[in-house]
Amino acid sequence: MLTICEEPKRYSGFNMEVLETVLRWIVMPIGAFVWLMFMRQQDQGTQIAVIKTQNDMSRMAHDREIREIKNMLDKILEKLDDKADKD
């Protein structure tokens, strides 16, 4: 049992310098890499959402234009049929 005056026993071959070295050269670079990948993934997720929205808007505009063209073509064909029936 430890008393206030005693220093804690050190494990053989393990000290704070080893722990500091491991933290500095292994744990911190891995943590920085994970954080960087997380930030990039968040940015890419936002870019994908924007591209999807733009794609949906373009598709809706294209569909509307195609509908208008079909309606105009139907009107033209009706007029041609009416003209053909009169002749």
N, C-alpha and C. Protein backbone atom coordinates (compact mmCIF):
# COMPACT_ATOMS: atom_id res chain seq x y z
N MET A 1 0.83 -1.18 0.00
CA MET A 1 0.00 0.00 0.00
C MET A 1 0.88 1.24 0.00
N LEU A 2 0.48 2.27 -0.79
CA LEU A 2 1.27 3.49 -0.88
C LEU A 2 0.89 4.47 0.21
N THR A 3 1.86 5.12 0.69
CA THR A 3 1.59 6.22 1.61
C THR A 3 1.93 7.49 0.87
N ILE A 4 1.64 8.61 1.46
CA ILE A 4 1.83 9.90 0.81
C ILE A 4 3.30 10.16 0.48
N CYS A 5 4.20 9.70 1.28
CA CYS A 5 5.62 9.99 1.10
C CYS A 5 6.29 9.06 0.09
N GLU A 6 5.71 7.92 -0.17
CA GLU A 6 6.35 6.98 -1.08
C GLU A 6 6.11 7.35 -2.53
N GLU A 7 7.09 7.08 -3.34
CA GLU A 7 6.92 7.26 -4.77
C GLU A 7 6.33 5.98 -5.34
N PRO A 8 5.51 6.10 -6.38
CA PRO A 8 4.94 4.88 -6.95
C PRO A 8 6.03 4.04 -7.60
N LYS A 9 5.85 2.74 -7.54
CA LYS A 9 6.82 1.85 -8.17
C LYS A 9 6.68 1.95 -9.67
N ARG A 10 7.80 1.95 -10.31
CA ARG A 10 7.80 2.00 -11.77
C ARG A 10 7.87 0.58 -12.29
N TYR A 11 7.13 0.38 -13.39
CA TYR A 11 7.21 -0.93 -14.01
C TYR A 11 8.54 -1.03 -14.73
N SER A 12 9.04 -2.20 -14.82
CA SER A 12 10.35 -2.38 -15.42
C SER A 12 10.32 -1.98 -16.89
N GLY A 13 11.16 -1.07 -17.29
CA GLY A 13 11.29 -0.66 -18.67
C GLY A 13 10.23 0.32 -19.14
N PHE A 14 9.33 0.71 -18.29
CA PHE A 14 8.26 1.63 -18.70
C PHE A 14 8.36 2.89 -17.86
N ASN A 15 8.39 4.02 -18.56
CA ASN A 15 8.39 5.28 -17.84
C ASN A 15 7.64 6.32 -18.66
N MET A 16 7.58 7.49 -18.14
CA MET A 16 6.82 8.56 -18.80
C MET A 16 7.43 8.96 -20.14
N GLU A 17 8.73 8.81 -20.29
CA GLU A 17 9.36 9.17 -21.56
C GLU A 17 8.88 8.26 -22.69
N VAL A 18 8.71 6.99 -22.39
CA VAL A 18 8.21 6.06 -23.39
C VAL A 18 6.78 6.43 -23.76
N LEU A 19 5.97 6.70 -22.73
CA LEU A 19 4.58 7.09 -22.98
C LEU A 19 4.51 8.37 -23.81
N GLU A 20 5.32 9.34 -23.48
CA GLU A 20 5.33 10.61 -24.24
C GLU A 20 5.77 10.37 -25.68
N THR A 21 6.77 9.53 -25.88
CA THR A 21 7.24 9.22 -27.23
C THR A 21 6.16 8.51 -28.04
N VAL A 22 5.48 7.56 -27.42
CA VAL A 22 4.40 6.85 -28.11
C VAL A 22 3.29 7.81 -28.48
N LEU A 23 2.91 8.67 -27.56
CA LEU A 23 1.86 9.64 -27.85
C LEU A 23 2.27 10.58 -28.98
N ARG A 24 3.51 11.07 -28.91
CA ARG A 24 3.96 12.06 -29.89
C ARG A 24 4.12 11.46 -31.29
N TRP A 25 4.65 10.27 -31.41
CA TRP A 25 5.01 9.74 -32.72
C TRP A 25 4.05 8.71 -33.28
N ILE A 26 3.13 8.21 -32.47
CA ILE A 26 2.19 7.21 -32.97
C ILE A 26 0.74 7.68 -32.83
N VAL A 27 0.33 8.00 -31.64
CA VAL A 27 -1.08 8.33 -31.39
C VAL A 27 -1.47 9.66 -32.03
N MET A 28 -0.68 10.69 -31.84
CA MET A 28 -1.05 12.00 -32.39
C MET A 28 -1.10 12.02 -33.92
N PRO A 29 -0.13 11.42 -34.63
CA PRO A 29 -0.25 11.40 -36.10
C PRO A 29 -1.48 10.61 -36.58
N ILE A 30 -1.78 9.50 -35.91
CA ILE A 30 -2.96 8.73 -36.30
C ILE A 30 -4.22 9.55 -36.03
N GLY A 31 -4.26 10.23 -34.89
CA GLY A 31 -5.42 11.08 -34.58
C GLY A 31 -5.57 12.21 -35.59
N ALA A 32 -4.46 12.82 -35.98
CA ALA A 32 -4.51 13.89 -36.98
C ALA A 32 -4.99 13.37 -38.32
N PHE A 33 -4.53 12.18 -38.71
CA PHE A 33 -4.95 11.58 -39.97
C PHE A 33 -6.45 11.28 -39.95
N VAL A 34 -6.93 10.72 -38.86
CA VAL A 34 -8.37 10.41 -38.74
C VAL A 34 -9.19 11.70 -38.81
N TRP A 35 -8.74 12.74 -38.11
CA TRP A 35 -9.45 14.02 -38.14
C TRP A 35 -9.47 14.59 -39.56
N LEU A 36 -8.33 14.52 -40.26
CA LEU A 36 -8.26 15.02 -41.63
C LEU A 36 -9.21 14.26 -42.55
N MET A 37 -9.24 12.95 -42.42
CA MET A 37 -10.15 12.14 -43.24
C MET A 37 -11.61 12.47 -42.93
N PHE A 38 -11.93 12.69 -41.67
CA PHE A 38 -13.28 13.06 -41.28
C PHE A 38 -13.68 14.39 -41.92
N MET A 39 -12.79 15.37 -41.87
CA MET A 39 -13.09 16.68 -42.45
C MET A 39 -13.27 16.58 -43.97
N ARG A 40 -12.43 15.81 -44.63
CA ARG A 40 -12.57 15.63 -46.08
C ARG A 40 -13.87 14.93 -46.42
N GLN A 41 -14.24 13.95 -45.63
CA GLN A 41 -15.48 13.20 -45.88
C GLN A 41 -16.68 14.12 -45.71
N GLN A 42 -16.65 15.00 -44.72
CA GLN A 42 -17.75 15.94 -44.53
C GLN A 42 -17.86 16.89 -45.71
N ASP A 43 -16.72 17.37 -46.20
CA ASP A 43 -16.70 18.28 -47.34
C ASP A 43 -17.22 17.57 -48.59
N GLN A 44 -16.80 16.35 -48.80
CA GLN A 44 -17.25 15.60 -49.97
C GLN A 44 -18.74 15.29 -49.88
N GLY A 45 -19.24 15.02 -48.69
CA GLY A 45 -20.67 14.78 -48.51
C GLY A 45 -21.48 16.01 -48.91
N THR A 46 -20.98 17.19 -48.53
CA THR A 46 -21.66 18.43 -48.91
C THR A 46 -21.63 18.63 -50.41
N GLN A 47 -20.48 18.38 -51.03
CA GLN A 47 -20.37 18.53 -52.48
C GLN A 47 -21.29 17.56 -53.21
N ILE A 48 -21.40 16.35 -52.72
CA ILE A 48 -22.29 15.37 -53.35
C ILE A 48 -23.74 15.83 -53.25
N ALA A 49 -24.13 16.36 -52.10
CA ALA A 49 -25.51 16.84 -51.93
C ALA A 49 -25.81 17.99 -52.89
N VAL A 50 -24.85 18.90 -53.07
CA VAL A 50 -25.05 20.01 -54.00
C VAL A 50 -25.17 19.51 -55.43
N ILE A 51 -24.32 18.57 -55.81
CA ILE A 51 -24.36 18.03 -57.18
C ILE A 51 -25.68 17.30 -57.42
N LYS A 52 -26.16 16.54 -56.42
CA LYS A 52 -27.45 15.86 -56.57
C LYS A 52 -28.58 16.85 -56.77
N THR A 53 -28.56 17.93 -56.01
CA THR A 53 -29.60 18.95 -56.15
C THR A 53 -29.55 19.59 -57.53
N GLN A 54 -28.36 19.92 -58.00
CA GLN A 54 -28.23 20.49 -59.34
C GLN A 54 -28.71 19.52 -60.40
N ASN A 55 -28.40 18.25 -60.24
CA ASN A 55 -28.83 17.24 -61.18
C ASN A 55 -30.36 17.12 -61.20
N ASP A 56 -30.97 17.14 -60.02
CA ASP A 56 -32.43 17.07 -59.95
C ASP A 56 -33.08 18.29 -60.60
N MET A 57 -32.51 19.47 -60.39
CA MET A 57 -33.06 20.68 -61.00
C MET A 57 -32.95 20.62 -62.52
N SER A 58 -31.80 20.15 -63.01
CA SER A 58 -31.62 20.03 -64.46
C SER A 58 -32.60 19.01 -65.05
N ARG A 59 -32.79 17.90 -64.35
CA ARG A 59 -33.71 16.87 -64.83
C ARG A 59 -35.14 17.41 -64.87
N MET A 60 -35.54 18.16 -63.85
CA MET A 60 -36.89 18.73 -63.83
C MET A 60 -37.08 19.72 -64.98
N ALA A 61 -36.06 20.56 -65.22
CA ALA A 61 -36.16 21.53 -66.31
C ALA A 61 -36.22 20.80 -67.65
N HIS A 62 -35.44 19.76 -67.81
CA HIS A 62 -35.44 19.00 -69.06
C HIS A 62 -36.80 18.33 -69.27
N ASP A 63 -37.33 17.74 -68.22
CA ASP A 63 -38.65 17.09 -68.32
C ASP A 63 -39.73 18.10 -68.70
N ARG A 64 -39.65 19.28 -68.12
CA ARG A 64 -40.63 20.33 -68.45
C ARG A 64 -40.53 20.73 -69.91
N GLU A 65 -39.30 20.90 -70.41
CA GLU A 65 -39.10 21.27 -71.81
C GLU A 65 -39.62 20.18 -72.74
N ILE A 66 -39.36 18.93 -72.40
CA ILE A 66 -39.84 17.82 -73.23
C ILE A 66 -41.37 17.80 -73.25
N ARG A 67 -42.00 18.03 -72.09
CA ARG A 67 -43.47 18.09 -72.05
C ARG A 67 -44.01 19.21 -72.93
N GLU A 68 -43.36 20.38 -72.88
CA GLU A 68 -43.79 21.50 -73.71
C GLU A 68 -43.65 21.15 -75.19
N ILE A 69 -42.55 20.52 -75.56
CA ILE A 69 -42.34 20.13 -76.96
C ILE A 69 -43.41 19.14 -77.40
N LYS A 70 -43.73 18.16 -76.54
CA LYS A 70 -44.77 17.19 -76.88
C LYS A 70 -46.12 17.86 -77.05
N ASN A 71 -46.43 18.80 -76.15
CA ASN A 71 -47.71 19.52 -76.27
C ASN A 71 -47.78 20.32 -77.57
N MET A 72 -46.68 20.99 -77.91
CA MET A 72 -46.67 21.77 -79.16
C MET A 72 -46.79 20.85 -80.37
N LEU A 73 -46.11 19.71 -80.32
CA LEU A 73 -46.20 18.75 -81.42
C LEU A 73 -47.62 18.21 -81.55
N ASP A 74 -48.26 17.93 -80.42
CA ASP A 74 -49.66 17.47 -80.46
C ASP A 74 -50.56 18.54 -81.09
N LYS A 75 -50.36 19.79 -80.74
CA LYS A 75 -51.17 20.88 -81.32
C LYS A 75 -50.94 20.99 -82.82
N ILE A 76 -49.68 20.87 -83.22
CA ILE A 76 -49.37 20.94 -84.66
C ILE A 76 -50.04 19.79 -85.40
N LEU A 77 -49.95 18.59 -84.83
CA LEU A 77 -50.59 17.44 -85.48
C LEU A 77 -52.11 17.59 -85.53
N GLU A 78 -52.72 18.14 -84.48
CA GLU A 78 -54.16 18.39 -84.50
C GLU A 78 -54.54 19.36 -85.61
N LYS A 79 -53.75 20.43 -85.77
CA LYS A 79 -54.03 21.41 -86.81
C LYS A 79 -53.88 20.77 -88.20
N LEU A 80 -52.86 19.93 -88.36
CA LEU A 80 -52.68 19.26 -89.63
C LEU A 80 -53.86 18.30 -89.91
N ASP A 81 -54.31 17.59 -88.88
CA ASP A 81 -55.46 16.70 -89.05
C ASP A 81 -56.72 17.49 -89.41
N ASP A 82 -56.93 18.62 -88.71
CA ASP A 82 -58.10 19.46 -89.03
C ASP A 82 -58.03 19.97 -90.45
N LYS A 83 -56.84 20.38 -90.87
CA LYS A 83 -56.68 20.91 -92.22
C LYS A 83 -56.89 19.78 -93.25
N ALA A 84 -56.41 18.57 -92.93
CA ALA A 84 -56.57 17.43 -93.83
C ALA A 84 -58.05 17.04 -93.93
N ASP A 85 -58.78 17.14 -92.80
CA ASP A 85 -60.21 16.80 -92.83
C ASP A 85 -61.02 17.80 -93.64
N LYS A 86 -60.64 19.05 -93.64
CA LYS A 86 -61.35 20.09 -94.40
C LYS A 86 -61.14 19.93 -95.90
N ASP A 87 -60.01 19.42 -96.25
CA ASP A 87 -59.72 19.28 -97.69
C ASP A 87 -60.40 18.14 -98.29
